[in-house]
Amino acid sequence: MEDMNITFEDLPKAMSWMMDKLNKLDSKIDSLNNIPQVRPVDQWMNLKELCEYLPSHPAEQTVYGWTSCHQIPFHKRGKRIMFLKSEIDAWLHDGKRKSQKELADEAAQFIKSKRNTRF
């Protein structure tokens, strides 16, 4: 529809052309919405990179001690140890210690539940 002067007689043809264009545009938008989101690839770290990544920046010997006691998640291939960033992040988040108040509340709740179960 290059011609911008549309007469009454051309109106059905113009509407048909416009509907075709809208359908094509709609299908293109749908195809863009259906593109699967790419998950970020997990990052591998060696011992030195792990020491730089951890907030406390521990010495390499400290991390070796953690791995020998299985206190930190790691993967071993031969003599090399490697760490997955996602596993280290989960390990860091799981290390939260309860406060004195949280421990006292938990103990009180436990005692209360034991008293309620006795007849």
PDB file of N, CA and C in Angstrom:
ATOM      1  N   MET A   1       0.838  -1.174   0.000  1.00  0.00           N
ATOM      2  CA  MET A   1       0.000   0.000   0.000  1.00  0.00           C
ATOM      3  C   MET A   1       0.885   1.241   0.000  1.00  0.00           C
ATOM      4  N   GLU A   2       1.587   1.403  -1.069  1.00  0.00           N
ATOM      5  CA  GLU A   2       2.451   2.566  -1.194  1.00  0.00           C
ATOM      6  C   GLU A   2       1.657   3.845  -1.412  1.00  0.00           C
ATOM      7  N   ASP A   3       0.500   3.712  -2.025  1.00  0.00           N
ATOM      8  CA  ASP A   3      -0.333   4.858  -2.338  1.00  0.00           C
ATOM      9  C   ASP A   3      -1.054   5.310  -1.069  1.00  0.00           C
ATOM     10  N   MET A   4      -0.862   6.538  -0.651  1.00  0.00           N
ATOM     11  CA  MET A   4      -1.463   7.043   0.572  1.00  0.00           C
ATOM     12  C   MET A   4      -2.881   7.554   0.347  1.00  0.00           C
ATOM     13  N   ASN A   5      -3.291   7.745  -0.899  1.00  0.00           N
ATOM     14  CA  ASN A   5      -4.653   8.204  -1.195  1.00  0.00           C
ATOM     15  C   ASN A   5      -5.556   6.989  -1.319  1.00  0.00           C
ATOM     16  N   ILE A   6      -6.294   6.701  -0.271  1.00  0.00           N
ATOM     17  CA  ILE A   6      -7.181   5.548  -0.251  1.00  0.00           C
ATOM     18  C   ILE A   6      -8.611   6.038  -0.474  1.00  0.00           C
ATOM     19  N   THR A   7      -9.222   5.472  -1.467  1.00  0.00           N
ATOM     20  CA  THR A   7     -10.617   5.835  -1.759  1.00  0.00           C
ATOM     21  C   THR A   7     -11.535   4.837  -1.055  1.00  0.00           C
ATOM     22  N   PHE A   8     -12.831   5.136  -1.096  1.00  0.00           N
ATOM     23  CA  PHE A   8     -13.805   4.266  -0.467  1.00  0.00           C
ATOM     24  C   PHE A   8     -13.779   2.867  -1.078  1.00  0.00           C
ATOM     25  N   GLU A   9     -13.508   2.798  -2.375  1.00  0.00           N
ATOM     26  CA  GLU A   9     -13.463   1.512  -3.056  1.00  0.00           C
ATOM     27  C   GLU A   9     -12.237   0.699  -2.642  1.00  0.00           C
ATOM     28  N   ASP A  10     -11.139   1.392  -2.264  1.00  0.00           N
ATOM     29  CA  ASP A  10      -9.903   0.719  -1.864  1.00  0.00           C
ATOM     30  C   ASP A  10      -9.911   0.304  -0.391  1.00  0.00           C
ATOM     31  N   LEU A  11     -10.915   0.704   0.345  1.00  0.00           N
ATOM     32  CA  LEU A  11     -10.953   0.455   1.780  1.00  0.00           C
ATOM     33  C   LEU A  11     -10.890  -1.038   2.141  1.00  0.00           C
ATOM     34  N   PRO A  12     -11.626  -1.943   1.511  1.00  0.00           N
ATOM     35  CA  PRO A  12     -11.500  -3.367   1.860  1.00  0.00           C
ATOM     36  C   PRO A  12     -10.092  -3.910   1.600  1.00  0.00           C
ATOM     37  N   LYS A  13      -9.492  -3.488   0.489  1.00  0.00           N
ATOM     38  CA  LYS A  13      -8.141  -3.936   0.151  1.00  0.00           C
ATOM     39  C   LYS A  13      -7.142  -3.386   1.173  1.00  0.00           C
ATOM     40  N   ALA A  14      -7.307  -2.134   1.578  1.00  0.00           N
ATOM     41  CA  ALA A  14      -6.406  -1.524   2.559  1.00  0.00           C
ATOM     42  C   ALA A  14      -6.537  -2.204   3.920  1.00  0.00           C
ATOM     43  N   MET A  15      -7.775  -2.521   4.293  1.00  0.00           N
ATOM     44  CA  MET A  15      -7.995  -3.212   5.572  1.00  0.00           C
ATOM     45  C   MET A  15      -7.367  -4.603   5.549  1.00  0.00           C
ATOM     46  N   SER A  16      -7.480  -5.295   4.449  1.00  0.00           N
ATOM     47  CA  SER A  16      -6.890  -6.617   4.310  1.00  0.00           C
ATOM     48  C   SER A  16      -5.361  -6.532   4.434  1.00  0.00           C
ATOM     49  N   TRP A  17      -4.770  -5.541   3.754  1.00  0.00           N
ATOM     50  CA  TRP A  17      -3.320  -5.340   3.822  1.00  0.00           C
ATOM     51  C   TRP A  17      -2.893  -5.031   5.255  1.00  0.00           C
ATOM     52  N   MET A  18      -3.657  -4.163   5.937  1.00  0.00           N
ATOM     53  CA  MET A  18      -3.313  -3.782   7.308  1.00  0.00           C
ATOM     54  C   MET A  18      -3.438  -4.986   8.251  1.00  0.00           C
ATOM     55  N   MET A  19      -4.453  -5.816   8.086  1.00  0.00           N
ATOM     56  CA  MET A  19      -4.624  -6.993   8.923  1.00  0.00           C
ATOM     57  C   MET A  19      -3.477  -7.991   8.720  1.00  0.00           C
ATOM     58  N   ASP A  20      -3.037  -8.157   7.456  1.00  0.00           N
ATOM     59  CA  ASP A  20      -1.891  -9.035   7.187  1.00  0.00           C
ATOM     60  C   ASP A  20      -0.647  -8.530   7.916  1.00  0.00           C
ATOM     61  N   LYS A  21      -0.410  -7.235   7.852  1.00  0.00           N
ATOM     62  CA  LYS A  21       0.756  -6.641   8.516  1.00  0.00           C
ATOM     63  C   LYS A  21       0.669  -6.828  10.039  1.00  0.00           C
ATOM     64  N   LEU A  22      -0.510  -6.631  10.597  1.00  0.00           N
ATOM     65  CA  LEU A  22      -0.695  -6.802  12.037  1.00  0.00           C
ATOM     66  C   LEU A  22      -0.480  -8.255  12.462  1.00  0.00           C
ATOM     67  N   ASN A  23      -0.959  -9.200  11.641  1.00  0.00           N
ATOM     68  CA  ASN A  23      -0.757 -10.614  11.957  1.00  0.00           C
ATOM     69  C   ASN A  23       0.722 -10.986  11.917  1.00  0.00           C
ATOM     70  N   LYS A  24       1.449 -10.477  10.927  1.00  0.00           N
ATOM     71  CA  LYS A  24       2.890 -10.736  10.851  1.00  0.00           C
ATOM     72  C   LYS A  24       3.617 -10.137  12.046  1.00  0.00           C
ATOM     73  N   LEU A  25       3.258  -8.927  12.416  1.00  0.00           N
ATOM     74  CA  LEU A  25       3.861  -8.270  13.570  1.00  0.00           C
ATOM     75  C   LEU A  25       3.562  -9.039  14.856  1.00  0.00           C
ATOM     76  N   ASP A  26       2.337  -9.497  14.990  1.00  0.00           N
ATOM     77  CA  ASP A  26       1.937 -10.267  16.162  1.00  0.00           C
ATOM     78  C   ASP A  26       2.735 -11.566  16.262  1.00  0.00           C
ATOM     79  N   SER A  27       2.922 -12.253  15.146  1.00  0.00           N
ATOM     80  CA  SER A  27       3.685 -13.506  15.172  1.00  0.00           C
ATOM     81  C   SER A  27       5.153 -13.258  15.501  1.00  0.00           C
ATOM     82  N   LYS A  28       5.705 -12.148  15.034  1.00  0.00           N
ATOM     83  CA  LYS A  28       7.093 -11.817  15.373  1.00  0.00           C
ATOM     84  C   LYS A  28       7.236 -11.529  16.864  1.00  0.00           C
ATOM     85  N   ILE A  29       6.282 -10.820  17.434  1.00  0.00           N
ATOM     86  CA  ILE A  29       6.324 -10.530  18.874  1.00  0.00           C
ATOM     87  C   ILE A  29       6.197 -11.819  19.674  1.00  0.00           C
ATOM     88  N   ASP A  30       5.303 -12.707  19.249  1.00  0.00           N
ATOM     89  CA  ASP A  30       5.151 -13.994  19.941  1.00  0.00           C
ATOM     90  C   ASP A  30       6.432 -14.810  19.885  1.00  0.00           C
ATOM     91  N   SER A  31       7.097 -14.804  18.729  1.00  0.00           N
ATOM     92  CA  SER A  31       8.339 -15.574  18.621  1.00  0.00           C
ATOM     93  C   SER A  31       9.434 -14.983  19.502  1.00  0.00           C
ATOM     94  N   LEU A  32       9.453 -13.667  19.677  1.00  0.00           N
ATOM     95  CA  LEU A  32      10.430 -13.057  20.572  1.00  0.00           C
ATOM     96  C   LEU A  32      10.143 -13.402  22.027  1.00  0.00           C
ATOM     97  N   ASN A  33       8.878 -13.488  22.402  1.00  0.00           N
ATOM     98  CA  ASN A  33       8.510 -13.829  23.777  1.00  0.00           C
ATOM     99  C   ASN A  33       8.775 -15.286  24.106  1.00  0.00           C
ATOM    100  N   ASN A  34       8.830 -16.142  23.094  1.00  0.00           N
ATOM    101  CA  ASN A  34       9.033 -17.571  23.326  1.00  0.00           C
ATOM    102  C   ASN A  34      10.498 -17.973  23.327  1.00  0.00           C
ATOM    103  N   ILE A  35      11.401 -17.023  23.199  1.00  0.00           N
ATOM    104  CA  ILE A  35      12.820 -17.346  23.240  1.00  0.00           C
ATOM    105  C   ILE A  35      13.163 -17.741  24.669  1.00  0.00           C
ATOM    106  N   PRO A  36      13.713 -18.943  24.879  1.00  0.00           N
ATOM    107  CA  PRO A  36      14.033 -19.358  26.249  1.00  0.00           C
ATOM    108  C   PRO A  36      15.147 -18.494  26.831  1.00  0.00           C
ATOM    109  N   GLN A  37      14.992 -18.187  28.102  1.00  0.00           N
ATOM    110  CA  GLN A  37      16.004 -17.385  28.786  1.00  0.00           C
ATOM    111  C   GLN A  37      17.239 -18.253  29.032  1.00  0.00           C
ATOM    112  N   VAL A  38      18.387 -17.728  28.715  1.00  0.00           N
ATOM    113  CA  VAL A  38      19.632 -18.459  28.876  1.00  0.00           C
ATOM    114  C   VAL A  38      20.088 -18.332  30.321  1.00  0.00           C
ATOM    115  N   ARG A  39      20.268 -19.490  30.972  1.00  0.00           N
ATOM    116  CA  ARG A  39      20.773 -19.478  32.338  1.00  0.00           C
ATOM    117  C   ARG A  39      22.258 -19.170  32.326  1.00  0.00           C
ATOM    118  N   PRO A  40      22.704 -18.361  33.269  1.00  0.00           N
ATOM    119  CA  PRO A  40      24.136 -18.090  33.300  1.00  0.00           C
ATOM    120  C   PRO A  40      24.916 -19.365  33.618  1.00  0.00           C
ATOM    121  N   VAL A  41      26.024 -19.508  32.962  1.00  0.00           N
ATOM    122  CA  VAL A  41      26.860 -20.680  33.156  1.00  0.00           C
ATOM    123  C   VAL A  41      27.568 -20.550  34.503  1.00  0.00           C
ATOM    124  N   ASP A  42      27.571 -21.639  35.254  1.00  0.00           N
ATOM    125  CA  ASP A  42      28.226 -21.631  36.548  1.00  0.00           C
ATOM    126  C   ASP A  42      29.732 -21.461  36.351  1.00  0.00           C
ATOM    127  N   GLN A  43      30.344 -20.745  37.252  1.00  0.00           N
ATOM    128  CA  GLN A  43      31.756 -20.407  37.116  1.00  0.00           C
ATOM    129  C   GLN A  43      32.602 -21.329  37.989  1.00  0.00           C
ATOM    130  N   TRP A  44      33.644 -21.888  37.391  1.00  0.00           N
ATOM    131  CA  TRP A  44      34.602 -22.698  38.132  1.00  0.00           C
ATOM    132  C   TRP A  44      35.710 -21.795  38.651  1.00  0.00           C
ATOM    133  N   MET A  45      36.188 -22.074  39.858  1.00  0.00           N
ATOM    134  CA  MET A  45      37.285 -21.291  40.438  1.00  0.00           C
ATOM    135  C   MET A  45      38.361 -22.255  40.924  1.00  0.00           C
ATOM    136  N   ASN A  46      39.609 -21.828  40.770  1.00  0.00           N
ATOM    137  CA  ASN A  46      40.693 -22.597  41.361  1.00  0.00           C
ATOM    138  C   ASN A  46      40.920 -22.085  42.790  1.00  0.00           C
ATOM    139  N   LEU A  47      41.909 -22.612  43.467  1.00  0.00           N
ATOM    140  CA  LEU A  47      42.137 -22.272  44.866  1.00  0.00           C
ATOM    141  C   LEU A  47      42.452 -20.790  45.056  1.00  0.00           C
ATOM    142  N   LYS A  48      43.288 -20.258  44.201  1.00  0.00           N
ATOM    143  CA  LYS A  48      43.670 -18.845  44.322  1.00  0.00           C
ATOM    144  C   LYS A  48      42.461 -17.926  44.085  1.00  0.00           C
ATOM    145  N   GLU A  49      41.658 -18.241  43.061  1.00  0.00           N
ATOM    146  CA  GLU A  49      40.465 -17.437  42.779  1.00  0.00           C
ATOM    147  C   GLU A  49      39.466 -17.515  43.922  1.00  0.00           C
ATOM    148  N   LEU A  50      39.358 -18.698  44.536  1.00  0.00           N
ATOM    149  CA  LEU A  50      38.448 -18.849  45.676  1.00  0.00           C
ATOM    150  C   LEU A  50      38.892 -17.979  46.842  1.00  0.00           C
ATOM    151  N   CYS A  51      40.178 -17.982  47.137  1.00  0.00           N
ATOM    152  CA  CYS A  51      40.695 -17.168  48.240  1.00  0.00           C
ATOM    153  C   CYS A  51      40.429 -15.679  48.003  1.00  0.00           C
ATOM    154  N   GLU A  52      40.515 -15.249  46.758  1.00  0.00           N
ATOM    155  CA  GLU A  52      40.227 -13.844  46.433  1.00  0.00           C
ATOM    156  C   GLU A  52      38.721 -13.564  46.505  1.00  0.00           C
ATOM    157  N   TYR A  53      37.900 -14.564  46.201  1.00  0.00           N
ATOM    158  CA  TYR A  53      36.449 -14.383  46.170  1.00  0.00           C
ATOM    159  C   TYR A  53      35.839 -14.344  47.567  1.00  0.00           C
ATOM    160  N   LEU A  54      36.340 -15.179  48.469  1.00  0.00           N
ATOM    161  CA  LEU A  54      35.761 -15.242  49.813  1.00  0.00           C
ATOM    162  C   LEU A  54      35.964 -13.926  50.545  1.00  0.00           C
ATOM    163  N   PRO A  55      34.968 -13.496  51.315  1.00  0.00           N
ATOM    164  CA  PRO A  55      35.060 -12.197  52.003  1.00  0.00           C
ATOM    165  C   PRO A  55      36.233 -12.090  52.971  1.00  0.00           C
ATOM    166  N   SER A  56      36.597 -13.186  53.614  1.00  0.00           N
ATOM    167  CA  SER A  56      37.691 -13.122  54.599  1.00  0.00           C
ATOM    168  C   SER A  56      39.067 -13.281  53.962  1.00  0.00           C
ATOM    169  N   HIS A  57      39.130 -13.599  52.684  1.00  0.00           N
ATOM    170  CA  HIS A  57      40.391 -13.812  51.948  1.00  0.00           C
ATOM    171  C   HIS A  57      41.340 -14.722  52.737  1.00  0.00           C
ATOM    172  N   PRO A  58      40.895 -15.974  52.973  1.00  0.00           N
ATOM    173  CA  PRO A  58      41.728 -16.877  53.776  1.00  0.00           C
ATOM    174  C   PRO A  58      42.992 -17.288  53.032  1.00  0.00           C
ATOM    175  N   ALA A  59      43.956 -17.775  53.780  1.00  0.00           N
ATOM    176  CA  ALA A  59      45.184 -18.298  53.178  1.00  0.00           C
ATOM    177  C   ALA A  59      44.873 -19.625  52.487  1.00  0.00           C
ATOM    178  N   GLU A  60      45.678 -19.975  51.515  1.00  0.00           N
ATOM    179  CA  GLU A  60      45.443 -21.218  50.776  1.00  0.00           C
ATOM    180  C   GLU A  60      45.496 -22.421  51.708  1.00  0.00           C
ATOM    181  N   GLN A  61      46.387 -22.412  52.688  1.00  0.00           N
ATOM    182  CA  GLN A  61      46.494 -23.518  53.632  1.00  0.00           C
ATOM    183  C   GLN A  61      45.207 -23.691  54.437  1.00  0.00           C
ATOM    184  N   THR A  62      44.559 -22.578  54.761  1.00  0.00           N
ATOM    185  CA  THR A  62      43.287 -22.636  55.487  1.00  0.00           C
ATOM    186  C   THR A  62      42.240 -23.362  54.653  1.00  0.00           C
ATOM    187  N   VAL A  63      42.159 -23.030  53.369  1.00  0.00           N
ATOM    188  CA  VAL A  63      41.177 -23.672  52.482  1.00  0.00           C
ATOM    189  C   VAL A  63      41.513 -25.150  52.313  1.00  0.00           C
ATOM    190  N   TYR A  64      42.808 -25.487  52.219  1.00  0.00           N
ATOM    191  CA  TYR A  64      43.195 -26.894  52.161  1.00  0.00           C
ATOM    192  C   TYR A  64      42.700 -27.640  53.401  1.00  0.00           C
ATOM    193  N   GLY A  65      42.797 -27.001  54.563  1.00  0.00           N
ATOM    194  CA  GLY A  65      42.291 -27.604  55.794  1.00  0.00           C
ATOM    195  C   GLY A  65      40.792 -27.817  55.739  1.00  0.00           C
ATOM    196  N   TRP A  66      40.065 -26.835  55.198  1.00  0.00           N
ATOM    197  CA  TRP A  66      38.609 -26.966  55.064  1.00  0.00           C
ATOM    198  C   TRP A  66      38.238 -28.129  54.148  1.00  0.00           C
ATOM    199  N   THR A  67      38.996 -28.278  53.050  1.00  0.00           N
ATOM    200  CA  THR A  67      38.684 -29.361  52.111  1.00  0.00           C
ATOM    201  C   THR A  67      39.006 -30.720  52.726  1.00  0.00           C
ATOM    202  N   SER A  68      40.089 -30.817  53.490  1.00  0.00           N
ATOM    203  CA  SER A  68      40.431 -32.111  54.084  1.00  0.00           C
ATOM    204  C   SER A  68      39.414 -32.529  55.143  1.00  0.00           C
ATOM    205  N   CYS A  69      38.769 -31.555  55.789  1.00  0.00           N
ATOM    206  CA  CYS A  69      37.717 -31.844  56.775  1.00  0.00           C
ATOM    207  C   CYS A  69      36.323 -31.828  56.137  1.00  0.00           C
ATOM    208  N   HIS A  70      36.252 -31.621  54.840  1.00  0.00           N
ATOM    209  CA  HIS A  70      34.988 -31.542  54.090  1.00  0.00           C
ATOM    210  C   HIS A  70      34.047 -30.485  54.669  1.00  0.00           C
ATOM    211  N   GLN A  71      34.608 -29.335  55.031  1.00  0.00           N
ATOM    212  CA  GLN A  71      33.813 -28.227  55.544  1.00  0.00           C
ATOM    213  C   GLN A  71      33.344 -27.297  54.434  1.00  0.00           C
ATOM    214  N   ILE A  72      33.937 -27.412  53.256  1.00  0.00           N
ATOM    215  CA  ILE A  72      33.610 -26.541  52.127  1.00  0.00           C
ATOM    216  C   ILE A  72      33.357 -27.419  50.905  1.00  0.00           C
ATOM    217  N   PRO A  73      32.376 -27.083  50.067  1.00  0.00           N
ATOM    218  CA  PRO A  73      32.129 -27.916  48.871  1.00  0.00           C
ATOM    219  C   PRO A  73      33.241 -27.742  47.840  1.00  0.00           C
ATOM    220  N   PHE A  74      33.741 -28.870  47.335  1.00  0.00           N
ATOM    221  CA  PHE A  74      34.811 -28.807  46.342  1.00  0.00           C
ATOM    222  C   PHE A  74      34.725 -30.022  45.434  1.00  0.00           C
ATOM    223  N   HIS A  75      35.432 -29.950  44.310  1.00  0.00           N
ATOM    224  CA  HIS A  75      35.528 -31.042  43.343  1.00  0.00           C
ATOM    225  C   HIS A  75      37.003 -31.304  43.118  1.00  0.00           C
ATOM    226  N   LYS A  76      37.348 -32.576  42.996  1.00  0.00           N
ATOM    227  CA  LYS A  76      38.760 -32.922  42.840  1.00  0.00           C
ATOM    228  C   LYS A  76      38.970 -33.760  41.590  1.00  0.00           C
ATOM    229  N   ARG A  77      39.908 -33.350  40.770  1.00  0.00           N
ATOM    230  CA  ARG A  77      40.342 -34.093  39.591  1.00  0.00           C
ATOM    231  C   ARG A  77      41.835 -34.325  39.741  1.00  0.00           C
ATOM    232  N   GLY A  78      42.197 -35.551  40.057  1.00  0.00           N
ATOM    233  CA  GLY A  78      43.611 -35.820  40.285  1.00  0.00           C
ATOM    234  C   GLY A  78      44.079 -35.066  41.515  1.00  0.00           C
ATOM    235  N   LYS A  79      45.083 -34.222  41.342  1.00  0.00           N
ATOM    236  CA  LYS A  79      45.602 -33.433  42.464  1.00  0.00           C
ATOM    237  C   LYS A  79      44.997 -32.039  42.535  1.00  0.00           C
ATOM    238  N   ARG A  80      44.213 -31.668  41.531  1.00  0.00           N
ATOM    239  CA  ARG A  80      43.627 -30.319  41.495  1.00  0.00           C
ATOM    240  C   ARG A  80      42.283 -30.289  42.194  1.00  0.00           C
ATOM    241  N   ILE A  81      42.054 -29.241  42.963  1.00  0.00           N
ATOM    242  CA  ILE A  81      40.736 -29.033  43.543  1.00  0.00           C
ATOM    243  C   ILE A  81      40.125 -27.804  42.881  1.00  0.00           C
ATOM    244  N   MET A  82      38.833 -27.910  42.591  1.00  0.00           N
ATOM    245  CA  MET A  82      38.107 -26.832  41.940  1.00  0.00           C
ATOM    246  C   MET A  82      36.832 -26.567  42.731  1.00  0.00           C
ATOM    247  N   PHE A  83      36.328 -25.355  42.580  1.00  0.00           N
ATOM    248  CA  PHE A  83      35.149 -24.926  43.327  1.00  0.00           C
ATOM    249  C   PHE A  83      34.146 -24.300  42.366  1.00  0.00           C
ATOM    250  N   LEU A  84      32.857 -24.650  42.547  1.00  0.00           N
ATOM    251  CA  LEU A  84      31.786 -24.024  41.772  1.00  0.00           C
ATOM    252  C   LEU A  84      31.285 -22.808  42.541  1.00  0.00           C
ATOM    253  N   LYS A  85      31.190 -21.690  41.855  1.00  0.00           N
ATOM    254  CA  LYS A  85      30.779 -20.441  42.488  1.00  0.00           C
ATOM    255  C   LYS A  85      29.405 -20.576  43.144  1.00  0.00           C
ATOM    256  N   SER A  86      28.459 -21.239  42.480  1.00  0.00           N
ATOM    257  CA  SER A  86      27.106 -21.389  43.040  1.00  0.00           C
ATOM    258  C   SER A  86      27.132 -22.190  44.334  1.00  0.00           C
ATOM    259  N   GLU A  87      27.969 -23.229  44.403  1.00  0.00           N
ATOM    260  CA  GLU A  87      28.074 -24.031  45.623  1.00  0.00           C
ATOM    261  C   GLU A  87      28.728 -23.241  46.750  1.00  0.00           C
ATOM    262  N   ILE A  88      29.719 -22.423  46.419  1.00  0.00           N
ATOM    263  CA  ILE A  88      30.387 -21.596  47.424  1.00  0.00           C
ATOM    264  C   ILE A  88      29.407 -20.551  47.959  1.00  0.00           C
ATOM    265  N   ASP A  89      28.616 -19.943  47.062  1.00  0.00           N
ATOM    266  CA  ASP A  89      27.617 -18.959  47.502  1.00  0.00           C
ATOM    267  C   ASP A  89      26.609 -19.595  48.449  1.00  0.00           C
ATOM    268  N   ALA A  90      26.139 -20.798  48.118  1.00  0.00           N
ATOM    269  CA  ALA A  90      25.191 -21.498  48.989  1.00  0.00           C
ATOM    270  C   ALA A  90      25.847 -21.836  50.329  1.00  0.00           C
ATOM    271  N   TRP A  91      27.100 -22.239  50.291  1.00  0.00           N
ATOM    272  CA  TRP A  91      27.842 -22.568  51.521  1.00  0.00           C
ATOM    273  C   TRP A  91      27.988 -21.334  52.395  1.00  0.00           C
ATOM    274  N   LEU A  92      28.252 -20.190  51.790  1.00  0.00           N
ATOM    275  CA  LEU A  92      28.383 -18.948  52.561  1.00  0.00           C
ATOM    276  C   LEU A  92      27.049 -18.561  53.200  1.00  0.00           C
ATOM    277  N   HIS A  93      25.945 -18.737  52.473  1.00  0.00           N
ATOM    278  CA  HIS A  93      24.628 -18.368  53.004  1.00  0.00           C
ATOM    279  C   HIS A  93      24.164 -19.328  54.097  1.00  0.00           C
ATOM    280  N   ASP A  94      24.586 -20.583  54.021  1.00  0.00           N
ATOM    281  CA  ASP A  94      24.175 -21.573  55.018  1.00  0.00           C
ATOM    282  C   ASP A  94      24.936 -21.432  56.333  1.00  0.00           C
ATOM    283  N   GLY A  95      25.961 -20.643  56.358  1.00  0.00           N
ATOM    284  CA  GLY A  95      26.813 -20.534  57.542  1.00  0.00           C
ATOM    285  C   GLY A  95      26.320 -19.571  58.608  1.00  0.00           C
ATOM    286  N   LYS A  96      25.075 -19.117  58.507  1.00  0.00           N
ATOM    287  CA  LYS A  96      24.553 -18.153  59.472  1.00  0.00           C
ATOM    288  C   LYS A  96      24.424 -18.798  60.846  1.00  0.00           C
ATOM    289  N   ARG A  97      24.894 -18.109  61.862  1.00  0.00           N
ATOM    290  CA  ARG A  97      24.775 -18.568  63.248  1.00  0.00           C
ATOM    291  C   ARG A  97      23.598 -17.880  63.901  1.00  0.00           C
ATOM    292  N   LYS A  98      22.902 -18.614  64.764  1.00  0.00           N
ATOM    293  CA  LYS A  98      21.756 -18.039  65.454  1.00  0.00           C
ATOM    294  C   LYS A  98      22.237 -17.167  66.608  1.00  0.00           C
ATOM    295  N   SER A  99      21.488 -16.097  66.853  1.00  0.00           N
ATOM    296  CA  SER A  99      21.814 -15.211  67.970  1.00  0.00           C
ATOM    297  C   SER A  99      21.352 -15.854  69.278  1.00  0.00           C
ATOM    298  N   GLN A 100      21.781 -15.286  70.390  1.00  0.00           N
ATOM    299  CA  GLN A 100      21.382 -15.791  71.700  1.00  0.00           C
ATOM    300  C   GLN A 100      19.859 -15.748  71.847  1.00  0.00           C
ATOM    301  N   LYS A 101      19.262 -14.660  71.364  1.00  0.00           N
ATOM    302  CA  LYS A 101      17.811 -14.518  71.461  1.00  0.00           C
ATOM    303  C   LYS A 101      17.114 -15.589  70.626  1.00  0.00           C
ATOM    304  N   GLU A 102      17.601 -15.846  69.405  1.00  0.00           N
ATOM    305  CA  GLU A 102      17.003 -16.876  68.563  1.00  0.00           C
ATOM    306  C   GLU A 102      17.114 -18.250  69.212  1.00  0.00           C
ATOM    307  N   LEU A 103      18.269 -18.550  69.826  1.00  0.00           N
ATOM    308  CA  LEU A 103      18.453 -19.830  70.503  1.00  0.00           C
ATOM    309  C   LEU A 103      17.525 -19.953  71.710  1.00  0.00           C
ATOM    310  N   ALA A 104      17.383 -18.858  72.480  1.00  0.00           N
ATOM    311  CA  ALA A 104      16.508 -18.880  73.652  1.00  0.00           C
ATOM    312  C   ALA A 104      15.052 -19.061  73.229  1.00  0.00           C
ATOM    313  N   ASP A 105      14.638 -18.365  72.173  1.00  0.00           N
ATOM    314  CA  ASP A 105      13.264 -18.511  71.682  1.00  0.00           C
ATOM    315  C   ASP A 105      12.999 -19.931  71.192  1.00  0.00           C
ATOM    316  N   GLU A 106      13.973 -20.504  70.495  1.00  0.00           N
ATOM    317  CA  GLU A 106      13.835 -21.863  69.990  1.00  0.00           C
ATOM    318  C   GLU A 106      13.747 -22.862  71.145  1.00  0.00           C
ATOM    319  N   ALA A 107      14.561 -22.657  72.190  1.00  0.00           N
ATOM    320  CA  ALA A 107      14.527 -23.538  73.357  1.00  0.00           C
ATOM    321  C   ALA A 107      13.181 -23.426  74.085  1.00  0.00           C
ATOM    322  N   ALA A 108      12.682 -22.197  74.239  1.00  0.00           N
ATOM    323  CA  ALA A 108      11.394 -21.999  74.910  1.00  0.00           C
ATOM    324  C   ALA A 108      10.272 -22.656  74.115  1.00  0.00           C
ATOM    325  N   GLN A 109      10.324 -22.544  72.801  1.00  0.00           N
ATOM    326  CA  GLN A 109       9.312 -23.168  71.950  1.00  0.00           C
ATOM    327  C   GLN A 109       9.374 -24.693  72.074  1.00  0.00           C
ATOM    328  N   PHE A 110      10.580 -25.242  72.152  1.00  0.00           N
ATOM    329  CA  PHE A 110      10.750 -26.694  72.294  1.00  0.00           C
ATOM    330  C   PHE A 110      10.170 -27.174  73.620  1.00  0.00           C
ATOM    331  N   ILE A 111      10.483 -26.461  74.705  1.00  0.00           N
ATOM    332  CA  ILE A 111       9.975 -26.832  76.028  1.00  0.00           C
ATOM    333  C   ILE A 111       8.452 -26.743  76.059  1.00  0.00           C
ATOM    334  N   LYS A 112       7.920 -25.703  75.453  1.00  0.00           N
ATOM    335  CA  LYS A 112       6.467 -25.532  75.411  1.00  0.00           C
ATOM    336  C   LYS A 112       5.816 -26.677  74.638  1.00  0.00           C
ATOM    337  N   SER A 113       6.408 -27.088  73.543  1.00  0.00           N
ATOM    338  CA  SER A 113       5.833 -28.174  72.745  1.00  0.00           C
ATOM    339  C   SER A 113       5.889 -29.500  73.493  1.00  0.00           C
ATOM    340  N   LYS A 114       6.936 -29.711  74.317  1.00  0.00           N
ATOM    341  CA  LYS A 114       7.061 -30.952  75.088  1.00  0.00           C
ATOM    342  C   LYS A 114       6.029 -30.992  76.213  1.00  0.00           C
ATOM    343  N   ARG A 115       5.769 -29.848  76.813  1.00  0.00           N
ATOM    344  CA  ARG A 115       4.772 -29.784  77.902  1.00  0.00           C
ATOM    345  C   ARG A 115       3.377 -30.057  77.355  1.00  0.00           C
ATOM    346  N   ASN A 116       3.100 -29.616  76.148  1.00  0.00           N
ATOM    347  CA  ASN A 116       1.772 -29.786  75.567  1.00  0.00           C
ATOM    348  C   ASN A 116       1.510 -31.222  75.130  1.00  0.00           C
ATOM    349  N   THR A 117       2.557 -32.014  74.912  1.00  0.00           N
ATOM    350  CA  THR A 117       2.355 -33.390  74.437  1.00  0.00           C
ATOM    351  C   THR A 117       2.124 -34.356  75.583  1.00  0.00           C
ATOM    352  N   ARG A 118       2.471 -33.999  76.817  1.00  0.00           N
ATOM    353  CA  ARG A 118       2.258 -34.875  77.971  1.00  0.00           C
ATOM    354  C   ARG A 118       0.812 -34.803  78.423  1.00  0.00           C
ATOM    355  N   PHE A 119       0.322 -35.922  78.923  1.00  0.00           N
ATOM    356  CA  PHE A 119      -1.063 -35.969  79.408  1.00  0.00           C
ATOM    357  C   PHE A 119      -1.130 -35.804  80.884  1.00  0.00           C
TER     358      PHE A 119
END
